[in-house]
């Protein structure tokens, strides 16, 4: 029988800030074909994977990024990428010396908050609009959360906080509490940002 050659790759993981995040990453990576062992450290922000040589490090990084986290091989150094604004930054990180609101999470939270304010303004100016402006504001914040919930479910973690938030928001819409659902999603995003 042929012996499978393995290698160990260590990744720097951004956006992982709790044990639940680490558990989602661990489950998703363990389910990949060719993975033998996984170790996740929230404290160090790292992921160590022992895997078959045929499984590239980019495949593991893609699996982690589907869950909403950034992952770069530790030994590749801090790759710089150019963001949409033309600023150079570390992959998945806020540029050094830049304000916190430059992160993706902060931008999503700010846009969601602005959408909710716009929904309240639309309700004052045009009351006949009903719940539709709030539904639009809800979708702005909920779409990325629902996408992460779906990715986590397919990766082996069907019961995550993102799944719970998505179900709660959709349930609130079904019972006619669209305004409250939009506010709860915004508060969830603020909580994630502060975390």
N, C-alpha and C. Protein backbone atom coordinates (compact mmCIF):
# COMPACT_ATOMS: atom_id res chain seq x y z
N UNK A 1 0.83 -1.18 0.00
CA UNK A 1 0.00 0.00 0.00
C UNK A 1 0.87 1.24 0.00
N UNK A 2 0.45 2.22 -0.75
CA UNK A 2 1.21 3.47 -0.82
C UNK A 2 0.95 4.30 0.43
N UNK A 3 2.02 4.88 0.92
CA UNK A 3 1.92 5.72 2.10
C UNK A 3 1.57 7.15 1.68
N UNK A 4 0.59 7.74 2.34
CA UNK A 4 0.19 9.11 2.02
C UNK A 4 1.14 10.08 2.69
N UNK A 5 1.69 10.99 1.89
CA UNK A 5 2.58 12.00 2.43
C UNK A 5 1.76 13.13 3.02
N UNK A 6 2.14 13.54 4.23
CA UNK A 6 1.41 14.63 4.88
C UNK A 6 2.34 15.80 5.15
N UNK A 7 1.72 16.94 5.36
CA UNK A 7 2.48 18.12 5.75
C UNK A 7 1.64 18.90 6.75
N UNK A 8 2.30 19.74 7.51
CA UNK A 8 1.60 20.57 8.49
C UNK A 8 1.74 22.02 8.05
N UNK A 9 0.61 22.70 7.98
CA UNK A 9 0.59 24.10 7.58
C UNK A 9 -0.07 24.91 8.69
N UNK A 10 0.56 26.01 9.02
CA UNK A 10 0.02 26.90 10.05
C UNK A 10 -0.51 28.16 9.38
N UNK A 11 -1.69 28.60 9.82
CA UNK A 11 -2.36 29.76 9.23
C UNK A 11 -2.56 30.83 10.29
N UNK A 12 -2.49 32.04 9.84
CA UNK A 12 -2.88 33.19 10.66
C UNK A 12 -4.35 33.45 10.33
N UNK A 13 -5.22 33.46 11.34
CA UNK A 13 -6.66 33.61 11.12
C UNK A 13 -7.11 34.96 11.68
N UNK A 14 -7.76 35.76 10.84
CA UNK A 14 -8.27 37.05 11.29
C UNK A 14 -9.78 36.97 11.46
N UNK A 15 -10.30 37.72 12.43
CA UNK A 15 -11.74 37.76 12.66
C UNK A 15 -12.23 36.70 13.63
N UNK A 16 -11.35 35.83 14.11
CA UNK A 16 -11.73 34.78 15.05
C UNK A 16 -11.51 35.34 16.46
N UNK A 17 -12.60 35.50 17.22
CA UNK A 17 -12.45 36.13 18.52
C UNK A 17 -13.16 35.41 19.66
N UNK A 18 -13.65 34.19 19.43
CA UNK A 18 -14.30 33.46 20.51
C UNK A 18 -14.16 31.95 20.26
N UNK A 19 -14.48 31.18 21.30
CA UNK A 19 -14.38 29.73 21.19
C UNK A 19 -15.35 29.16 20.16
N UNK A 20 -16.50 29.80 20.01
CA UNK A 20 -17.47 29.35 19.02
C UNK A 20 -16.91 29.50 17.60
N UNK A 21 -16.20 30.61 17.37
CA UNK A 21 -15.56 30.82 16.06
C UNK A 21 -14.55 29.71 15.80
N UNK A 22 -13.74 29.42 16.80
CA UNK A 22 -12.72 28.38 16.66
C UNK A 22 -13.36 27.02 16.39
N UNK A 23 -14.47 26.74 17.06
CA UNK A 23 -15.17 25.47 16.85
C UNK A 23 -15.70 25.35 15.43
N UNK A 24 -16.26 26.44 14.89
CA UNK A 24 -16.76 26.42 13.51
C UNK A 24 -15.62 26.14 12.53
N UNK A 25 -14.49 26.82 12.74
CA UNK A 25 -13.34 26.63 11.85
C UNK A 25 -12.83 25.20 11.96
N UNK A 26 -12.70 24.70 13.18
CA UNK A 26 -12.22 23.33 13.41
C UNK A 26 -13.11 22.32 12.69
N UNK A 27 -14.41 22.43 12.87
CA UNK A 27 -15.35 21.49 12.23
C UNK A 27 -15.27 21.56 10.72
N UNK A 28 -15.25 22.77 10.18
CA UNK A 28 -15.23 22.94 8.72
C UNK A 28 -13.96 22.36 8.10
N UNK A 29 -12.82 22.60 8.74
CA UNK A 29 -11.55 22.12 8.18
C UNK A 29 -11.41 20.61 8.36
N UNK A 30 -11.85 20.07 9.50
CA UNK A 30 -11.78 18.62 9.74
C UNK A 30 -12.57 17.83 8.70
N UNK A 31 -13.64 18.41 8.20
CA UNK A 31 -14.49 17.70 7.24
C UNK A 31 -13.90 17.67 5.84
N UNK A 32 -12.83 18.39 5.61
CA UNK A 32 -12.21 18.41 4.29
C UNK A 32 -11.46 17.10 4.03
N UNK A 33 -11.57 16.61 2.82
CA UNK A 33 -10.87 15.39 2.45
C UNK A 33 -9.37 15.63 2.44
N UNK A 34 -8.62 14.76 3.11
CA UNK A 34 -7.17 14.88 3.16
C UNK A 34 -6.65 15.50 4.44
N UNK A 35 -7.54 15.98 5.30
CA UNK A 35 -7.13 16.58 6.57
C UNK A 35 -7.04 15.49 7.62
N UNK A 36 -5.89 15.45 8.31
CA UNK A 36 -5.69 14.45 9.36
C UNK A 36 -5.86 15.02 10.76
N UNK A 37 -5.40 16.25 10.98
CA UNK A 37 -5.49 16.84 12.31
C UNK A 37 -5.65 18.35 12.20
N UNK A 38 -6.38 18.92 13.15
CA UNK A 38 -6.63 20.36 13.16
C UNK A 38 -6.45 20.87 14.58
N UNK A 39 -5.79 22.00 14.71
CA UNK A 39 -5.65 22.65 16.01
C UNK A 39 -5.90 24.14 15.81
N UNK A 40 -6.85 24.69 16.56
CA UNK A 40 -7.20 26.10 16.44
C UNK A 40 -6.92 26.79 17.77
N UNK A 41 -6.25 27.93 17.72
CA UNK A 41 -5.97 28.72 18.91
C UNK A 41 -6.56 30.11 18.76
N UNK A 42 -7.56 30.41 19.58
CA UNK A 42 -8.17 31.74 19.55
C UNK A 42 -7.17 32.76 20.06
N UNK A 43 -6.45 32.40 21.11
CA UNK A 43 -5.49 33.31 21.72
C UNK A 43 -4.42 33.77 20.74
N UNK A 44 -3.88 32.83 19.98
CA UNK A 44 -2.83 33.16 19.01
C UNK A 44 -3.39 33.57 17.65
N UNK A 45 -4.67 33.36 17.45
CA UNK A 45 -5.26 33.65 16.14
C UNK A 45 -4.67 32.76 15.07
N UNK A 46 -4.51 31.47 15.43
CA UNK A 46 -3.84 30.57 14.49
C UNK A 46 -4.63 29.28 14.28
N UNK A 47 -4.32 28.64 13.17
CA UNK A 47 -4.91 27.36 12.79
C UNK A 47 -3.76 26.50 12.28
N UNK A 48 -3.60 25.31 12.84
CA UNK A 48 -2.57 24.39 12.40
C UNK A 48 -3.26 23.15 11.84
N UNK A 49 -2.92 22.81 10.60
CA UNK A 49 -3.58 21.70 9.91
C UNK A 49 -2.54 20.71 9.41
N UNK A 50 -2.71 19.44 9.76
CA UNK A 50 -1.91 18.37 9.19
C UNK A 50 -2.77 17.75 8.10
N UNK A 51 -2.25 17.78 6.88
CA UNK A 51 -3.06 17.36 5.74
C UNK A 51 -2.20 16.67 4.69
N UNK A 52 -2.88 15.98 3.79
CA UNK A 52 -2.19 15.33 2.67
C UNK A 52 -1.57 16.41 1.79
N UNK A 53 -0.43 16.09 1.21
CA UNK A 53 0.24 17.07 0.34
C UNK A 53 -0.62 17.46 -0.85
N UNK A 54 -1.51 16.55 -1.24
CA UNK A 54 -2.38 16.85 -2.39
C UNK A 54 -3.40 17.96 -2.09
N UNK A 55 -3.66 18.20 -0.81
CA UNK A 55 -4.58 19.26 -0.42
C UNK A 55 -3.78 20.54 -0.25
N UNK A 56 -3.97 21.47 -1.13
CA UNK A 56 -3.21 22.71 -1.09
C UNK A 56 -3.62 23.61 0.06
N UNK A 57 -2.68 24.45 0.48
CA UNK A 57 -2.98 25.37 1.58
C UNK A 57 -4.04 26.38 1.20
N UNK A 58 -4.15 26.67 -0.10
CA UNK A 58 -5.17 27.63 -0.54
C UNK A 58 -6.58 27.05 -0.38
N UNK A 59 -6.73 25.73 -0.47
CA UNK A 59 -8.04 25.10 -0.29
C UNK A 59 -8.51 25.27 1.16
N UNK A 60 -7.60 25.12 2.10
CA UNK A 60 -7.94 25.32 3.51
C UNK A 60 -8.30 26.78 3.76
N UNK A 61 -7.52 27.68 3.20
CA UNK A 61 -7.79 29.12 3.36
C UNK A 61 -9.15 29.49 2.78
N UNK A 62 -9.51 28.90 1.64
CA UNK A 62 -10.82 29.17 1.04
C UNK A 62 -11.96 28.67 1.93
N UNK A 63 -11.76 27.48 2.51
CA UNK A 63 -12.78 26.92 3.40
C UNK A 63 -13.00 27.84 4.61
N UNK A 64 -11.92 28.36 5.17
CA UNK A 64 -12.02 29.26 6.32
C UNK A 64 -12.66 30.58 5.90
N UNK A 65 -12.32 31.07 4.73
CA UNK A 65 -12.88 32.36 4.28
C UNK A 65 -14.37 32.26 4.00
N UNK A 66 -14.86 31.08 3.62
CA UNK A 66 -16.30 30.90 3.40
C UNK A 66 -17.09 31.12 4.69
N UNK A 67 -16.43 30.91 5.82
CA UNK A 67 -17.08 31.09 7.11
C UNK A 67 -17.03 32.55 7.57
N UNK A 68 -16.33 33.39 6.82
CA UNK A 68 -16.26 34.80 7.17
C UNK A 68 -14.99 35.23 7.88
N UNK A 69 -13.97 34.38 7.86
CA UNK A 69 -12.70 34.70 8.50
C UNK A 69 -11.61 34.78 7.44
N UNK A 70 -10.53 35.46 7.77
CA UNK A 70 -9.40 35.51 6.86
C UNK A 70 -8.37 34.47 7.29
N UNK A 71 -7.71 33.83 6.34
CA UNK A 71 -6.68 32.84 6.67
C UNK A 71 -5.54 32.95 5.67
N UNK A 72 -4.33 33.14 6.19
CA UNK A 72 -3.14 33.16 5.34
C UNK A 72 -2.10 32.25 5.96
N UNK A 73 -1.37 31.50 5.13
CA UNK A 73 -0.31 30.65 5.67
C UNK A 73 0.68 31.48 6.49
N UNK A 74 1.02 31.00 7.66
CA UNK A 74 1.88 31.71 8.59
C UNK A 74 3.25 31.97 7.99
N UNK A 75 3.78 30.98 7.30
CA UNK A 75 5.14 31.09 6.77
C UNK A 75 5.24 31.95 5.52
N UNK A 76 4.10 32.34 4.95
CA UNK A 76 4.16 33.16 3.74
C UNK A 76 4.36 34.62 4.08
N UNK A 77 4.42 34.93 5.37
CA UNK A 77 4.58 36.32 5.77
C UNK A 77 3.27 37.05 5.63
N UNK A 78 3.29 38.30 5.91
CA UNK A 78 2.09 39.11 5.78
C UNK A 78 2.01 39.65 4.38
N UNK A 79 1.18 39.01 3.57
CA UNK A 79 1.02 39.48 2.20
C UNK A 79 0.26 40.78 2.21
N UNK A 80 0.70 41.69 1.38
CA UNK A 80 -0.03 42.93 1.25
C UNK A 80 -0.95 42.84 0.05
N UNK A 81 -2.13 43.34 0.22
CA UNK A 81 -3.08 43.38 -0.89
C UNK A 81 -3.58 44.81 -1.01
N UNK A 82 -4.07 45.14 -2.17
CA UNK A 82 -4.62 46.47 -2.38
C UNK A 82 -6.13 46.38 -2.29
N UNK A 83 -6.71 47.18 -1.40
CA UNK A 83 -8.16 47.15 -1.28
C UNK A 83 -8.80 48.04 -2.32
N UNK A 84 -10.13 48.10 -2.32
CA UNK A 84 -10.85 48.87 -3.35
C UNK A 84 -10.52 50.35 -3.31
N UNK A 85 -10.12 50.86 -2.16
CA UNK A 85 -9.79 52.28 -2.05
C UNK A 85 -8.37 52.57 -2.51
N UNK A 86 -7.62 51.53 -2.89
CA UNK A 86 -6.25 51.71 -3.34
C UNK A 86 -5.24 51.70 -2.20
N UNK A 87 -5.72 51.47 -0.95
CA UNK A 87 -4.80 51.42 0.18
C UNK A 87 -4.16 50.05 0.25
N UNK A 88 -2.90 50.01 0.65
CA UNK A 88 -2.22 48.73 0.85
C UNK A 88 -2.52 48.29 2.27
N UNK A 89 -2.81 47.00 2.45
CA UNK A 89 -3.10 46.51 3.78
C UNK A 89 -2.74 45.04 3.86
N UNK A 90 -2.60 44.54 5.10
CA UNK A 90 -2.36 43.12 5.30
C UNK A 90 -3.64 42.39 4.94
N UNK A 91 -3.50 41.23 4.34
CA UNK A 91 -4.65 40.45 3.90
C UNK A 91 -5.58 40.19 5.08
N UNK A 92 -6.81 40.70 4.99
CA UNK A 92 -7.81 40.46 6.02
C UNK A 92 -7.67 41.33 7.25
N UNK A 93 -6.74 42.24 7.29
CA UNK A 93 -6.51 43.06 8.46
C UNK A 93 -6.76 44.52 8.16
N UNK A 94 -6.93 45.30 9.22
CA UNK A 94 -7.02 46.75 9.08
C UNK A 94 -5.60 47.26 8.88
N UNK A 95 -5.39 48.19 7.95
CA UNK A 95 -4.05 48.73 7.75
C UNK A 95 -3.51 49.35 9.04
N UNK A 96 -2.21 49.19 9.26
CA UNK A 96 -1.58 49.74 10.45
C UNK A 96 -1.79 51.24 10.50
N UNK A 97 -2.16 51.74 11.68
CA UNK A 97 -2.36 53.16 11.85
C UNK A 97 -3.67 53.68 11.31
N UNK A 98 -4.51 52.80 10.79
CA UNK A 98 -5.80 53.22 10.24
C UNK A 98 -6.88 53.07 11.31
N UNK A 99 -7.93 53.87 11.22
CA UNK A 99 -9.01 53.79 12.21
C UNK A 99 -9.79 52.47 12.10
N UNK A 100 -10.47 52.12 13.19
CA UNK A 100 -11.21 50.86 13.26
C UNK A 100 -12.32 50.78 12.23
N UNK A 101 -12.87 51.91 11.84
CA UNK A 101 -14.01 51.89 10.92
C UNK A 101 -13.63 51.51 9.50
N UNK A 102 -12.35 51.23 9.26
CA UNK A 102 -11.92 50.79 7.94
C UNK A 102 -12.10 49.28 7.73
N UNK A 103 -12.41 48.54 8.81
CA UNK A 103 -12.59 47.09 8.68
C UNK A 103 -13.91 46.77 7.98
N UNK A 104 -13.98 45.58 7.40
CA UNK A 104 -15.20 45.15 6.72
C UNK A 104 -16.39 45.08 7.67
N UNK A 105 -16.14 44.58 8.88
CA UNK A 105 -17.23 44.49 9.86
C UNK A 105 -17.77 45.87 10.21
N UNK A 106 -16.87 46.81 10.40
CA UNK A 106 -17.31 48.17 10.74
C UNK A 106 -18.09 48.79 9.59
N UNK A 107 -17.61 48.60 8.38
CA UNK A 107 -18.32 49.17 7.22
C UNK A 107 -19.72 48.57 7.10
N UNK A 108 -19.84 47.26 7.31
CA UNK A 108 -21.15 46.62 7.25
C UNK A 108 -22.07 47.17 8.34
N UNK A 109 -21.54 47.33 9.54
CA UNK A 109 -22.33 47.84 10.66
C UNK A 109 -22.79 49.27 10.39
N UNK A 110 -21.89 50.09 9.88
CA UNK A 110 -22.23 51.49 9.57
C UNK A 110 -23.29 51.57 8.47
N UNK A 111 -23.10 50.79 7.41
CA UNK A 111 -24.08 50.80 6.31
C UNK A 111 -25.44 50.30 6.79
N UNK A 112 -25.43 49.27 7.62
CA UNK A 112 -26.69 48.74 8.15
C UNK A 112 -27.38 49.78 9.02
N UNK A 113 -26.61 50.48 9.84
CA UNK A 113 -27.17 51.54 10.68
C UNK A 113 -27.74 52.68 9.85
N UNK A 114 -27.02 53.05 8.79
CA UNK A 114 -27.52 54.11 7.90
C UNK A 114 -28.80 53.67 7.19
N UNK A 115 -28.87 52.40 6.81
CA UNK A 115 -30.08 51.89 6.16
C UNK A 115 -31.27 51.93 7.12
N UNK A 116 -31.01 51.62 8.40
CA UNK A 116 -32.09 51.66 9.38
C UNK A 116 -32.56 53.10 9.63
N UNK A 117 -31.62 54.04 9.71
CA UNK A 117 -31.99 55.46 9.85
C UNK A 117 -32.80 55.91 8.64
N UNK A 118 -32.36 55.50 7.45
CA UNK A 118 -33.09 55.86 6.22
C UNK A 118 -34.50 55.25 6.23
N UNK A 119 -34.63 54.04 6.77
CA UNK A 119 -35.95 53.41 6.85
C UNK A 119 -36.87 54.19 7.78
N UNK A 120 -36.33 54.63 8.93
CA UNK A 120 -37.13 55.46 9.84
C UNK A 120 -37.52 56.77 9.17
N UNK A 121 -36.58 57.39 8.47
CA UNK A 121 -36.87 58.65 7.77
C UNK A 121 -37.94 58.43 6.69
N UNK A 122 -37.83 57.36 5.95
CA UNK A 122 -38.82 57.05 4.92
C UNK A 122 -40.20 56.83 5.54
N UNK A 123 -40.22 56.20 6.71
CA UNK A 123 -41.48 55.98 7.40
C UNK A 123 -42.13 57.28 7.86
N UNK A 124 -41.30 58.26 8.24
CA UNK A 124 -41.84 59.56 8.66
C UNK A 124 -42.35 60.37 7.47
N UNK A 125 -41.59 60.34 6.39
CA UNK A 125 -41.95 61.12 5.20
C UNK A 125 -43.09 60.47 4.42
N UNK A 126 -43.05 59.16 4.34
CA UNK A 126 -44.03 58.44 3.54
C UNK A 126 -44.56 57.24 4.34
N UNK A 127 -45.47 57.48 5.30
CA UNK A 127 -45.97 56.42 6.17
C UNK A 127 -46.62 55.24 5.44
N UNK A 128 -47.12 55.48 4.24
CA UNK A 128 -47.77 54.40 3.49
C UNK A 128 -46.79 53.32 3.05
N UNK A 129 -45.49 53.62 3.14
CA UNK A 129 -44.47 52.63 2.75
C UNK A 129 -44.51 51.42 3.67
N UNK A 130 -45.04 51.60 4.88
CA UNK A 130 -45.19 50.48 5.80
C UNK A 130 -43.87 49.87 6.22
N UNK A 131 -43.82 48.57 6.14
CA UNK A 131 -42.64 47.85 6.60
C UNK A 131 -41.56 47.68 5.52
N UNK A 132 -41.84 48.07 4.28
CA UNK A 132 -40.89 47.83 3.18
C UNK A 132 -39.53 48.49 3.38
N UNK A 133 -39.44 49.74 3.85
CA UNK A 133 -38.11 50.31 4.08
C UNK A 133 -37.32 49.54 5.14
N UNK A 134 -38.04 49.05 6.16
CA UNK A 134 -37.37 48.28 7.21
C UNK A 134 -36.92 46.91 6.70
N UNK A 135 -37.69 46.34 5.80
CA UNK A 135 -37.30 45.07 5.19
C UNK A 135 -36.01 45.25 4.39
N UNK A 136 -35.92 46.36 3.66
CA UNK A 136 -34.69 46.64 2.90
C UNK A 136 -33.51 46.84 3.85
N UNK A 137 -33.73 47.59 4.95
CA UNK A 137 -32.66 47.81 5.94
C UNK A 137 -32.24 46.49 6.58
N UNK A 138 -33.22 45.64 6.85
CA UNK A 138 -32.94 44.32 7.43
C UNK A 138 -32.06 43.50 6.50
N UNK A 139 -32.39 43.48 5.23
CA UNK A 139 -31.64 42.68 4.26
C UNK A 139 -30.20 43.15 4.12
N UNK A 140 -29.96 44.45 4.25
CA UNK A 140 -28.60 44.98 4.17
C UNK A 140 -27.71 44.32 5.22
N UNK A 141 -28.20 44.22 6.45
CA UNK A 141 -27.41 43.62 7.52
C UNK A 141 -27.49 42.11 7.58
N UNK A 142 -28.65 41.56 7.21
CA UNK A 142 -28.86 40.12 7.37
C UNK A 142 -28.20 39.29 6.28
N UNK A 143 -28.08 39.82 5.07
CA UNK A 143 -27.54 39.02 3.97
C UNK A 143 -26.15 38.44 4.29
N UNK A 144 -25.18 39.25 4.76
CA UNK A 144 -23.87 38.65 5.07
C UNK A 144 -23.93 37.65 6.22
N UNK A 145 -24.81 37.89 7.19
CA UNK A 145 -24.96 36.96 8.31
C UNK A 145 -25.53 35.65 7.80
N UNK A 146 -26.56 35.72 6.97
CA UNK A 146 -27.19 34.51 6.42
C UNK A 146 -26.22 33.74 5.54
N UNK A 147 -25.39 34.45 4.78
CA UNK A 147 -24.41 33.79 3.93
C UNK A 147 -23.40 33.02 4.79
N UNK A 148 -22.95 33.62 5.90
CA UNK A 148 -22.03 32.91 6.80
C UNK A 148 -22.72 31.73 7.46
N UNK A 149 -24.01 31.88 7.81
CA UNK A 149 -24.76 30.78 8.41
C UNK A 149 -24.86 29.60 7.44
N UNK A 150 -25.14 29.90 6.19
CA UNK A 150 -25.25 28.86 5.18
C UNK A 150 -23.90 28.16 4.96
N UNK A 151 -22.83 28.94 4.90
CA UNK A 151 -21.50 28.35 4.73
C UNK A 151 -21.14 27.48 5.92
N UNK A 152 -21.45 27.94 7.12
CA UNK A 152 -21.16 27.15 8.32
C UNK A 152 -21.98 25.86 8.33
N UNK A 153 -23.23 25.93 7.90
CA UNK A 153 -24.08 24.74 7.86
C UNK A 153 -23.52 23.71 6.89
N UNK A 154 -23.10 24.16 5.71
CA UNK A 154 -22.52 23.24 4.73
C UNK A 154 -21.17 22.70 5.19
N UNK A 155 -20.49 23.45 6.06
CA UNK A 155 -19.18 23.02 6.55
C UNK A 155 -19.28 22.18 7.82
N UNK A 156 -20.51 21.91 8.29
CA UNK A 156 -20.68 21.00 9.41
C UNK A 156 -21.12 21.64 10.71
N UNK A 157 -21.39 22.94 10.73
CA UNK A 157 -21.87 23.60 11.93
C UNK A 157 -23.22 24.25 11.64
N UNK A 158 -24.29 23.43 11.64
CA UNK A 158 -25.59 23.98 11.28
C UNK A 158 -26.20 24.89 12.35
N UNK A 159 -25.78 24.74 13.60
CA UNK A 159 -26.37 25.52 14.68
C UNK A 159 -25.36 26.54 15.20
N UNK A 160 -25.18 27.60 14.44
CA UNK A 160 -24.26 28.67 14.84
C UNK A 160 -25.07 29.90 15.22
N UNK A 161 -24.40 30.89 15.80
CA UNK A 161 -25.08 32.12 16.17
C UNK A 161 -25.63 32.83 14.94
N UNK A 162 -24.94 32.69 13.82
CA UNK A 162 -25.43 33.30 12.58
C UNK A 162 -26.73 32.64 12.12
N UNK A 163 -26.82 31.32 12.29
CA UNK A 163 -28.05 30.60 11.94
C UNK A 163 -29.20 31.06 12.84
N UNK A 164 -28.92 31.15 14.13
CA UNK A 164 -29.93 31.60 15.08
C UNK A 164 -30.41 33.01 14.74
N UNK A 165 -29.49 33.91 14.42
CA UNK A 165 -29.87 35.28 14.08
C UNK A 165 -30.70 35.33 12.80
N UNK A 166 -30.32 34.53 11.82
CA UNK A 166 -31.07 34.49 10.56
C UNK A 166 -32.49 33.99 10.78
N UNK A 167 -32.63 32.90 11.52
CA UNK A 167 -33.96 32.34 11.80
C UNK A 167 -34.79 33.33 12.61
N UNK A 168 -34.19 33.96 13.61
CA UNK A 168 -34.92 34.93 14.43
C UNK A 168 -35.40 36.12 13.61
N UNK A 169 -34.54 36.63 12.74
CA UNK A 169 -34.93 37.78 11.91
C UNK A 169 -36.04 37.41 10.93
N UNK A 170 -35.92 36.25 10.30
CA UNK A 170 -36.96 35.82 9.37
C UNK A 170 -38.28 35.55 10.10
N UNK A 171 -38.18 34.98 11.29
CA UNK A 171 -39.38 34.76 12.10
C UNK A 171 -40.06 36.06 12.49
N UNK A 172 -39.25 37.06 12.83
CA UNK A 172 -39.81 38.37 13.18
C UNK A 172 -40.53 39.00 11.99
N UNK A 173 -39.96 38.83 10.81
CA UNK A 173 -40.62 39.35 9.60
C UNK A 173 -41.96 38.64 9.39
N UNK A 174 -41.98 37.33 9.60
CA UNK A 174 -43.22 36.56 9.41
C UNK A 174 -44.33 36.98 10.37
N UNK A 175 -43.97 37.42 11.58
CA UNK A 175 -45.01 37.84 12.53
C UNK A 175 -45.28 39.34 12.45
N UNK A 176 -44.65 40.01 11.48
CA UNK A 176 -44.93 41.43 11.27
C UNK A 176 -44.08 42.39 12.06
N UNK A 177 -42.98 41.92 12.63
CA UNK A 177 -42.10 42.77 13.43
C UNK A 177 -40.83 43.11 12.64
N UNK A 178 -41.00 43.60 11.43
CA UNK A 178 -39.87 43.89 10.55
C UNK A 178 -38.96 44.97 11.12
N UNK A 179 -39.55 46.00 11.70
CA UNK A 179 -38.77 47.09 12.29
C UNK A 179 -37.87 46.56 13.41
N UNK A 180 -38.44 45.72 14.27
CA UNK A 180 -37.68 45.14 15.37
C UNK A 180 -36.59 44.20 14.86
N UNK A 181 -36.90 43.45 13.81
CA UNK A 181 -35.91 42.53 13.23
C UNK A 181 -34.72 43.31 12.70
N UNK A 182 -34.97 44.42 12.02
CA UNK A 182 -33.87 45.24 11.49
C UNK A 182 -33.02 45.79 12.63
N UNK A 183 -33.66 46.20 13.72
CA UNK A 183 -32.91 46.73 14.87
C UNK A 183 -32.09 45.64 15.53
N UNK A 184 -32.65 44.46 15.69
CA UNK A 184 -31.91 43.35 16.31
C UNK A 184 -30.70 42.96 15.47
N UNK A 185 -30.85 42.94 14.16
CA UNK A 185 -29.72 42.62 13.29
C UNK A 185 -28.63 43.68 13.43
N UNK A 186 -29.03 44.95 13.50
CA UNK A 186 -28.04 46.02 13.70
C UNK A 186 -27.32 45.84 15.04
N UNK A 187 -28.06 45.54 16.09
CA UNK A 187 -27.44 45.33 17.40
C UNK A 187 -26.50 44.12 17.39
N UNK A 188 -26.87 43.09 16.66
CA UNK A 188 -25.99 41.92 16.51
C UNK A 188 -24.68 42.32 15.83
N UNK A 189 -24.78 43.12 14.77
CA UNK A 189 -23.58 43.58 14.07
C UNK A 189 -22.71 44.46 14.96
N UNK A 190 -23.34 45.31 15.76
CA UNK A 190 -22.58 46.14 16.71
C UNK A 190 -21.87 45.24 17.72
N UNK A 191 -22.57 44.22 18.21
CA UNK A 191 -21.96 43.27 19.15
C UNK A 191 -20.77 42.55 18.53
N UNK A 192 -20.91 42.11 17.29
CA UNK A 192 -19.79 41.45 16.60
C UNK A 192 -18.62 42.39 16.43
N UNK A 193 -18.91 43.64 16.13
CA UNK A 193 -17.86 44.64 15.95
C UNK A 193 -17.11 44.88 17.25
N UNK A 194 -17.85 44.99 18.35
CA UNK A 194 -17.22 45.21 19.65
C UNK A 194 -16.45 43.99 20.14
N UNK A 195 -16.89 42.83 19.72
CA UNK A 195 -16.24 41.58 20.13
C UNK A 195 -14.84 41.52 19.56
